[in-house]
């Protein structure tokens, strides 16, 4: 049987989970854009040789 305290989650816990999820999405987006940028730089540098 579920605990009565788990019926309504703590608003702070929900906010923390949302913040963490947003941070993870931003981090993944930043890593992807960095990877794309680095691949473009490598392509440009290889074009100079």
Protein backbone atom coordinates (compact mmCIF):
# COMPACT_ATOMS: atom_id res chain seq x y z
CA UNK A 1 0.00 0.00 0.00
CA UNK A 2 1.31 3.42 -0.92
CA UNK A 3 2.39 5.80 1.78
CA UNK A 4 -0.02 8.73 2.24
CA UNK A 5 2.98 11.07 2.15
CA UNK A 6 3.81 9.99 -1.40
CA UNK A 7 0.37 10.94 -2.80
CA UNK A 8 1.30 14.60 -3.12
CA UNK A 9 5.01 15.04 -3.88
CA UNK A 10 7.00 17.72 -2.12
CA UNK A 11 6.92 20.90 -4.26
CA UNK A 12 10.61 21.51 -3.57
CA UNK A 13 11.48 17.99 -4.75
CA UNK A 14 9.46 18.51 -7.94
CA UNK A 15 11.18 21.83 -8.57
CA UNK A 16 14.58 20.25 -7.95
CA UNK A 17 13.85 17.41 -10.37
CA UNK A 18 12.72 19.88 -13.03
CA UNK A 19 15.83 21.98 -12.50
CA UNK A 20 18.09 18.94 -12.78
CA UNK A 21 16.30 17.79 -15.92
CA UNK A 22 16.65 21.24 -17.46
CA UNK A 23 20.36 21.32 -16.57
CA UNK A 24 20.87 17.90 -18.19
CA UNK A 25 19.11 19.01 -21.38
CA UNK A 26 21.17 22.20 -21.54
CA UNK A 27 24.38 20.26 -20.93
CA UNK A 28 23.58 17.75 -23.66
CA UNK A 29 22.72 20.54 -26.09
CA UNK A 30 25.98 22.34 -25.26
CA UNK A 31 27.99 19.14 -25.77
CA UNK A 32 26.31 18.45 -29.08
CA UNK A 33 26.87 21.98 -30.36
CA UNK A 34 30.50 21.84 -29.24
CA UNK A 35 30.96 18.57 -31.09
CA UNK A 36 29.41 20.01 -34.25
CA UNK A 37 31.56 23.12 -33.99
CA UNK A 38 34.74 21.08 -33.50
CA UNK A 39 33.91 18.91 -36.50
CA UNK A 40 33.45 22.07 -38.60
CA UNK A 41 36.79 23.45 -37.37
CA UNK A 42 38.55 20.18 -38.23
CA UNK A 43 36.97 20.22 -41.68
CA UNK A 44 38.12 23.81 -42.27
CA UNK A 45 41.61 23.08 -40.99
CA UNK A 46 41.90 20.03 -43.25
CA UNK A 47 40.86 22.22 -46.17
CA UNK A 48 43.86 24.52 -45.64
CA UNK A 49 46.42 21.74 -46.18
